[in-house]
Protein backbone atom coordinates (compact mmCIF):
# COMPACT_ATOMS: atom_id res chain seq x y z
CA MET A 1 14.06 127.88 172.18
CA LEU A 2 16.97 128.07 174.63
CA TYR A 3 14.70 127.08 177.54
CA ARG A 4 14.95 123.41 176.61
CA ALA A 5 18.74 123.51 177.03
CA GLN A 6 18.35 125.28 180.37
CA LYS A 7 16.09 122.54 181.67
CA THR A 8 18.76 120.00 180.83
CA ASP A 9 21.92 121.69 182.07
CA PRO A 10 22.79 125.36 182.81
CA ASP A 11 26.21 124.80 181.22
CA ASP A 12 24.52 123.74 177.98
CA LEU A 13 22.51 126.97 178.03
CA GLU A 14 25.67 129.01 178.56
CA TRP A 15 27.41 127.16 175.71
CA ALA A 16 24.47 127.64 173.34
CA THR A 17 24.11 131.33 174.23
CA ARG A 18 27.77 132.05 173.53
CA SER A 19 27.75 129.98 170.35
CA GLU A 20 24.84 132.11 169.12
CA TYR A 21 26.72 135.25 170.14
CA TRP A 22 29.91 134.40 168.26
CA GLN A 23 28.01 133.08 165.23
CA ALA A 24 26.30 136.46 164.96
CA HIS A 25 29.56 138.39 165.43
CA LYS A 26 31.83 136.47 163.11
CA PRO A 27 33.63 138.77 160.65
CA THR A 28 32.62 138.68 157.03
CA ILE A 29 35.71 137.48 155.19
CA ARG A 30 34.09 136.33 151.96
CA GLY A 31 33.23 138.60 149.07
CA ARG A 32 36.52 140.30 148.22
CA PRO A 33 36.73 141.84 144.75
CA LYS A 34 37.51 139.21 142.10
CA LYS A 35 40.67 141.05 141.10
CA PHE A 36 42.15 140.40 144.57
CA LYS A 37 45.19 138.17 144.35
CA TYR A 38 44.19 135.71 147.08
CA ARG A 39 40.93 133.87 147.54
CA GLU A 40 39.25 133.57 150.92
CA PRO A 41 39.24 130.50 153.16
CA LEU A 42 35.99 128.82 154.19
CA ILE A 43 36.09 127.91 157.89
CA LEU A 44 33.90 125.12 159.29
CA CYS A 45 33.42 123.75 162.78
CA GLY A 46 31.15 121.47 164.82
CA HIS A 47 29.81 117.96 164.36
CA GLY A 48 28.41 116.51 161.17
CA ALA A 49 30.21 118.74 158.66
CA ASN A 50 29.96 117.29 155.17
CA ILE A 51 31.82 117.94 151.92
CA ARG A 52 30.70 116.15 148.75
CA VAL A 53 30.17 116.64 145.02
CA ASP A 54 26.62 117.27 143.84
CA HIS A 55 25.89 117.75 140.09
CA ASN A 56 29.54 118.67 139.44
CA THR A 57 29.49 121.31 142.19
CA LEU A 58 31.12 121.19 145.61
CA LEU A 59 28.42 121.09 148.28
CA VAL A 60 29.65 122.00 151.76
CA ARG A 61 27.59 121.79 154.94
CA ASP A 62 28.84 123.32 158.17
CA GLY A 63 28.78 121.35 161.42
CA PHE A 64 26.42 121.59 164.38
CA THR A 65 27.73 123.24 167.56
CA HIS A 66 24.67 124.05 169.67
CA TYR A 67 20.89 124.00 169.91
CA PRO A 68 19.18 125.83 168.28
CA GLN A 69 21.32 126.49 165.23
CA LYS A 70 20.43 127.18 161.64
CA GLY A 71 22.38 124.97 159.26
CA GLU A 72 24.71 126.65 156.77
CA GLN A 73 25.32 125.25 153.31
CA PHE A 74 27.65 126.45 150.58
CA ARG A 75 27.76 125.47 146.91
CA PHE A 76 30.70 126.17 144.61
CA PHE A 77 30.76 125.78 140.84
CA PRO A 78 33.86 124.88 138.80
CA GLY A 79 35.96 127.91 137.89
CA ASP A 80 34.16 130.21 140.35
CA ALA A 81 36.52 133.12 141.12
CA ASN A 82 34.90 133.47 144.55
CA SER A 83 35.51 129.87 145.59
CA PRO A 84 37.73 129.47 148.67
CA ASP A 85 41.45 128.82 148.46
CA ARG A 86 41.18 126.54 151.52
CA ILE A 87 38.48 124.80 153.48
CA ILE A 88 39.53 124.69 157.12
CA ILE A 89 37.77 122.47 159.65
CA LEU A 90 38.36 123.41 163.29
CA ASP A 91 38.13 120.52 165.74
CA GLY A 92 35.05 119.10 164.02
CA SER A 93 33.69 115.79 162.85
CA GLY A 94 31.92 114.67 159.70
CA ALA A 95 32.70 113.29 156.27
CA ILE A 96 34.39 114.16 153.01
CA THR A 97 34.15 112.04 149.86
CA PHE A 98 36.93 110.98 147.50
CA ASP A 99 35.10 112.82 144.71
CA ALA A 100 35.20 116.00 146.77
CA ILE A 101 38.96 115.64 147.31
CA ASN A 102 39.48 115.22 143.55
CA TRP A 103 37.17 118.17 142.81
CA MET A 104 39.09 120.42 145.20
CA SER A 105 42.40 119.33 143.71
CA ASP A 106 41.18 120.27 140.23
CA GLN A 107 40.01 123.67 141.49
CA GLN A 108 43.17 124.33 143.56
CA ILE A 109 41.34 124.25 146.88
CA GLU A 110 43.19 122.87 149.87
CA PHE A 111 41.50 120.92 152.67
CA VAL A 112 42.93 121.42 156.16
CA ARG A 113 41.84 120.02 159.51
CA LEU A 114 43.07 121.43 162.83
CA ASP A 115 42.48 119.69 166.14
CA TRP A 116 41.48 121.50 169.34
CA ARG A 117 45.14 122.26 170.11
CA GLY A 118 45.58 124.10 166.81
CA HIS A 119 47.70 121.28 165.34
CA ILE A 120 47.31 120.43 161.66
CA THR A 121 46.11 116.83 161.49
CA ASN A 122 45.11 116.49 157.83
CA ILE A 123 45.93 118.27 154.60
CA GLY A 124 44.57 117.32 151.20
CA GLY A 125 43.15 118.50 147.92
CA ASN A 126 45.81 120.83 146.53
CA SER A 127 48.91 119.88 148.47
CA GLY A 128 50.77 117.80 145.92
CA TYR A 129 54.52 118.35 146.01
CA SER A 130 56.68 118.79 142.95
CA GLY A 131 60.07 120.17 143.91
CA ASN A 132 62.26 122.46 141.84
CA SER A 133 65.56 120.60 141.71
CA LYS A 134 67.64 123.78 141.37
CA LEU A 135 66.01 125.37 144.40
CA ILE A 136 66.38 122.22 146.48
CA GLU A 137 70.06 121.93 145.56
CA ALA A 138 70.47 125.59 146.53
CA GLN A 139 68.80 124.87 149.88
CA LYS A 140 71.27 122.06 150.53
CA ALA A 141 74.26 124.10 149.33
CA ILE A 142 73.80 126.93 151.86
CA LYS A 143 73.94 124.59 154.88
CA GLY A 144 76.86 125.58 157.10
CA THR A 145 77.74 128.67 155.03
CA LYS A 146 77.82 132.41 155.72
CA ARG A 147 74.71 132.77 153.57
CA GLU A 148 72.80 130.51 155.94
CA ILE A 149 73.84 132.74 158.86
CA GLU A 150 72.77 135.84 156.92
CA ILE A 151 69.34 134.35 156.17
CA ALA A 152 68.89 133.38 159.82
CA ARG A 153 69.92 136.88 160.87
CA ASN A 154 67.35 138.41 158.54
CA LEU A 155 64.57 136.14 159.78
CA ILE A 156 65.26 136.89 163.44
CA SER A 157 65.74 140.61 162.74
CA GLY A 158 62.38 140.63 160.97
CA LYS A 159 60.76 138.92 163.94
CA ILE A 160 62.22 141.51 166.33
CA VAL A 161 60.93 144.42 164.23
CA ALA A 162 57.47 142.84 163.99
CA SER A 163 57.48 142.14 167.75
CA ILE A 164 58.20 145.82 168.48
CA GLU A 165 55.27 146.78 166.25
CA THR A 166 52.98 144.40 168.15
CA LEU A 167 54.08 145.83 171.49
CA LYS A 168 53.47 149.39 170.32
CA THR A 169 50.16 148.57 168.66
CA VAL A 170 48.32 146.34 171.13
CA ILE A 171 50.03 146.44 174.52
CA PRO A 172 49.09 149.45 176.71
CA LYS A 173 52.00 151.68 177.70
CA SER A 174 53.71 150.46 180.85
CA GLU A 175 57.15 150.07 182.39
CA LYS A 176 57.32 146.45 181.22
CA ARG A 177 56.34 147.40 177.67
CA GLU A 178 58.94 150.17 177.45
CA PHE A 179 61.59 147.84 178.87
CA ALA A 180 60.69 145.19 176.28
CA ILE A 181 60.82 147.68 173.40
CA GLY A 182 64.21 148.95 174.59
CA ARG A 183 65.52 145.41 174.98
CA LEU A 184 64.34 144.39 171.51
CA ASN A 185 65.81 147.52 169.91
CA GLN A 186 69.15 146.80 171.58
CA LYS A 187 69.15 143.17 170.43
CA PHE A 188 68.25 144.28 166.91
CA ARG A 189 71.29 146.57 166.87
CA ASP A 190 73.43 143.72 168.25
CA ILE A 191 72.35 141.47 165.38
CA ARG A 192 72.77 144.06 162.64
CA ASN A 193 76.07 145.55 163.88
CA SER A 194 77.81 142.54 165.41
CA LYS A 195 81.60 142.78 165.17
CA THR A 196 82.10 139.13 166.03
CA PRO A 197 81.01 136.25 163.79
CA LEU A 198 77.44 135.14 164.44
CA THR A 199 76.35 131.53 164.62
CA ILE A 200 72.92 129.92 164.57
CA SER A 201 73.34 129.16 168.25
CA LYS A 202 74.14 132.80 169.11
CA LEU A 203 71.22 134.04 167.04
CA LEU A 204 68.87 131.67 168.82
CA GLY A 205 70.19 132.93 172.15
CA ILE A 206 69.42 136.51 171.11
CA GLU A 207 65.99 135.47 169.89
CA GLY A 208 65.29 133.75 173.21
CA ALA A 209 66.24 136.86 175.19
CA CYS A 210 63.95 138.94 173.00
CA ALA A 211 61.09 136.48 173.44
CA ALA A 212 61.44 136.58 177.24
CA ALA A 213 61.14 140.39 177.33
CA TYR A 214 58.41 140.40 174.67
CA PHE A 215 56.12 137.91 176.42
CA ALA A 216 56.82 139.43 179.85
CA ALA A 217 55.22 142.66 178.59
CA TRP A 218 51.95 140.73 178.09
CA HIS A 219 51.82 139.22 181.57
CA ASN A 220 48.99 140.26 183.87
CA LEU A 221 47.15 142.37 181.29
CA PRO A 222 43.50 142.10 182.39
CA ILE A 223 40.96 140.03 180.45
CA ASN A 224 37.32 141.05 180.78
CA TRP A 225 34.87 138.43 182.06
CA SER A 226 31.20 138.21 182.92
CA GLY A 227 29.09 135.33 184.24
CA PHE A 228 31.95 133.75 186.18
CA LYS A 229 29.88 133.76 189.38
CA ARG A 230 27.51 131.24 187.76
CA LYS A 231 30.38 129.06 186.68
CA PRO A 232 33.93 129.53 187.96
CA VAL A 233 37.01 129.93 185.79
CA PRO A 234 40.66 129.51 186.89
CA ASP A 235 42.10 132.53 188.67
CA ASN A 236 44.89 132.97 186.12
CA TRP A 237 42.32 133.41 183.32
CA PHE A 238 41.58 136.93 184.54
CA GLN A 239 44.95 138.08 183.19
CA ILE A 240 47.14 137.10 180.28
CA ALA A 241 49.40 134.35 181.58
CA ALA A 242 52.83 133.13 180.52
CA ARG A 243 53.17 131.52 177.10
CA THR A 244 53.68 128.01 178.50
CA MET A 245 52.21 124.55 177.93
CA THR A 246 51.76 121.52 180.14
CA TRP A 247 52.06 117.88 179.20
CA ARG A 248 49.29 115.42 180.03
CA ALA A 249 48.70 111.97 178.54
CA GLY A 250 51.28 112.62 175.83
CA PHE A 251 49.61 115.85 174.64
CA ARG A 252 50.85 119.41 174.70
CA ASN A 253 47.98 121.44 176.12
CA ALA A 254 47.36 125.18 176.22
CA ARG A 255 45.93 125.87 179.68
CA HIS A 256 45.01 129.51 179.09
CA PRO A 257 42.44 130.97 176.64
CA VAL A 258 44.91 133.35 174.97
CA ASN A 259 47.44 130.55 174.42
CA ALA A 260 44.67 128.36 172.97
CA MET A 261 43.75 131.15 170.54
CA LEU A 262 47.39 131.63 169.58
CA ASN A 263 47.70 127.92 168.80
CA TYR A 264 44.87 128.19 166.27
CA GLY A 265 46.46 131.24 164.68
CA TYR A 266 49.89 129.59 164.46
CA GLY A 267 48.34 126.41 163.01
CA ILE A 268 46.60 128.34 160.24
CA LEU A 269 49.78 130.32 159.53
CA ALA A 270 51.80 127.09 159.29
CA ASN A 271 49.40 125.84 156.63
CA GLN A 272 49.66 129.13 154.71
CA VAL A 273 53.45 129.10 154.70
CA ARG A 274 53.68 125.38 153.95
CA THR A 275 51.45 125.80 150.89
CA GLN A 276 53.62 128.67 149.59
CA VAL A 277 56.89 126.82 150.22
CA ILE A 278 55.64 123.81 148.26
CA ALA A 279 54.15 125.99 145.51
CA ALA A 280 57.57 127.64 145.10
CA GLY A 281 59.16 124.20 144.60
CA MET A 282 61.26 124.18 147.75
CA ASP A 283 61.76 121.29 150.16
CA PRO A 284 60.06 122.08 153.51
CA THR A 285 62.17 119.44 155.30
CA ILE A 286 65.42 121.42 154.82
CA GLY A 287 65.50 124.00 157.59
CA ILE A 288 67.88 126.70 158.78
CA ILE A 289 66.99 127.72 162.33
CA HIS A 290 64.78 124.81 163.35
CA GLY A 291 66.20 121.31 163.55
CA ASN A 292 64.75 118.17 162.01
CA SER A 293 64.57 115.88 165.05
CA LYS A 294 60.98 116.64 166.10
CA ASN A 295 59.91 118.88 163.25
CA GLN A 296 59.18 117.34 159.86
CA ILE A 297 58.84 120.70 158.07
CA PRO A 298 61.48 122.95 159.70
CA LEU A 299 61.67 125.40 156.79
CA VAL A 300 58.00 126.26 157.31
CA TYR A 301 58.64 127.15 160.95
CA ASP A 302 61.76 129.09 159.97
CA LEU A 303 59.80 131.29 157.58
CA MET A 304 56.96 131.69 160.09
CA GLU A 305 59.21 133.46 162.59
CA PRO A 306 58.86 137.05 161.24
CA LEU A 307 55.10 136.48 160.92
CA ARG A 308 54.33 135.17 164.40
CA PRO A 309 54.09 138.67 165.93
CA ALA A 310 51.36 139.50 163.40
CA ILE A 311 49.37 136.52 164.70
CA ASP A 312 50.04 137.74 168.24
CA ARG A 313 48.77 141.20 167.27
CA ALA A 314 45.52 139.82 165.88
CA VAL A 315 44.88 137.50 168.84
CA LEU A 316 45.83 140.01 171.53
CA GLY A 317 43.71 142.70 169.91
CA PHE A 318 40.78 140.28 169.95
CA ALA A 319 41.35 139.08 173.52
CA LEU A 320 41.75 142.57 174.99
CA SER A 321 38.72 144.04 173.22
CA HIS A 322 36.06 141.44 174.16
CA THR A 323 34.28 140.34 177.30
CA PHE A 324 34.27 136.57 177.67
CA THR A 325 32.07 134.20 179.65
CA PRO A 326 32.68 130.62 180.85
CA GLY A 327 30.64 129.40 177.87
CA ASP A 328 33.44 130.49 175.53
CA PHE A 329 35.83 127.82 176.81
CA THR A 330 35.91 124.34 178.30
CA ILE A 331 38.63 122.50 180.22
CA ASN A 332 39.18 118.90 179.15
CA LYS A 333 40.34 116.03 181.35
CA TRP A 334 44.01 116.78 180.60
CA GLY A 335 43.65 120.39 181.76
CA GLY A 336 43.70 121.74 178.22
CA CYS A 337 41.66 124.83 177.32
CA ARG A 338 39.30 124.34 174.35
CA LEU A 339 37.63 127.19 172.50
CA ASN A 340 33.93 127.38 171.78
CA PRO A 341 33.98 126.32 168.09
CA GLN A 342 31.97 129.33 166.92
CA MET A 343 34.44 131.64 168.65
CA ALA A 344 37.31 129.61 167.14
CA LYS A 345 35.90 130.48 163.71
CA VAL A 346 36.10 134.18 164.57
CA VAL A 347 39.71 133.80 165.73
CA ALA A 348 40.59 131.77 162.63
CA ALA A 349 39.05 134.38 160.34
CA ARG A 350 41.07 137.15 162.00
CA THR A 351 44.34 135.27 161.55
CA SER A 352 43.77 133.62 158.16
CA GLU A 353 44.66 136.75 156.18
CA ILE A 354 48.19 136.79 157.59
CA CYS A 355 50.20 134.98 154.93
CA GLY A 356 53.86 134.49 154.23
CA ASP A 357 54.11 134.95 150.47
CA GLY A 358 56.56 137.85 150.77
CA VAL A 359 58.79 136.00 153.23
CA VAL A 360 58.78 132.82 151.13
CA GLU A 361 59.53 134.75 147.94
CA ARG A 362 62.44 136.64 149.49
CA PHE A 363 63.89 133.39 150.82
CA ALA A 364 63.66 131.75 147.39
CA LEU A 365 65.49 134.72 145.84
CA THR A 366 68.18 134.70 148.56
CA ILE A 367 69.33 131.07 148.44
């Protein structure tokens, strides 16, 4: 069946082969016990995905990513305890009906679409916002106070602790790793035991120094490849590169596979935290660490900070434990790295269980 693709273009064969590989190796994330507090997400990708209502059920068809591919279809009945909490579409195309949006809203299912950069482009279904006036007033009241500094200190301290755990868990022992762990431990002590008044600016400076040491410990870790003699890949893809982006045609592009995977993980986490912030009745536009100039939901990105290292841990563990081929990625005309959509589903499934309910709840109790 794959011979037809080979006759057309060897790159198409490579793409189809890797799509089949990742489709067969995707983790099973559905089927948790019904007593579990959180429902599972349903992750879709490819072209021609379709979500509609059929006989008062939600009928979902996954998209097409390669030839040959067996179509997947899902049907959910009203009140089904095993229905997803979110339907996430990764860089796909297709259609969703107004009836389906209403059905998902009734069943508390959120619809989320991420583009190839991992940016959230659409949210619907269960994302209505009804703020708690007391909580919102409390958010406003802490601006410029010692309590705001204390919350910021706790968020950054939590991020440092989680970053140390990621370094110890996934990064092989090396001089750079030990230096980073020592640096982060020292900065954690500086934050917790500071004898001079802290400010948001000082805390951000400490966080930046920690991030520099943390990401430096990743640099040049080898990534396993095969098949690159048939189709070349950039030289810097053979190691984990710096966590940087480039700007082309007005877009912020990840130019390395690991950074592209991280963008998907961060995008899914942002949706998780945003949903919980809104569900708690808080205003996501009132931030603490992040400003409002370019960020419309700064509180979400504030509360994500202690959780980012958990995304890093999941993505790094995945990247360092697999052998990739050129069919797992493409480079678009802006130089951006795009994931094979079937592999993106695997990455999304690994990161979708990292949620911020504890962080959001503690914040709501603190303000």
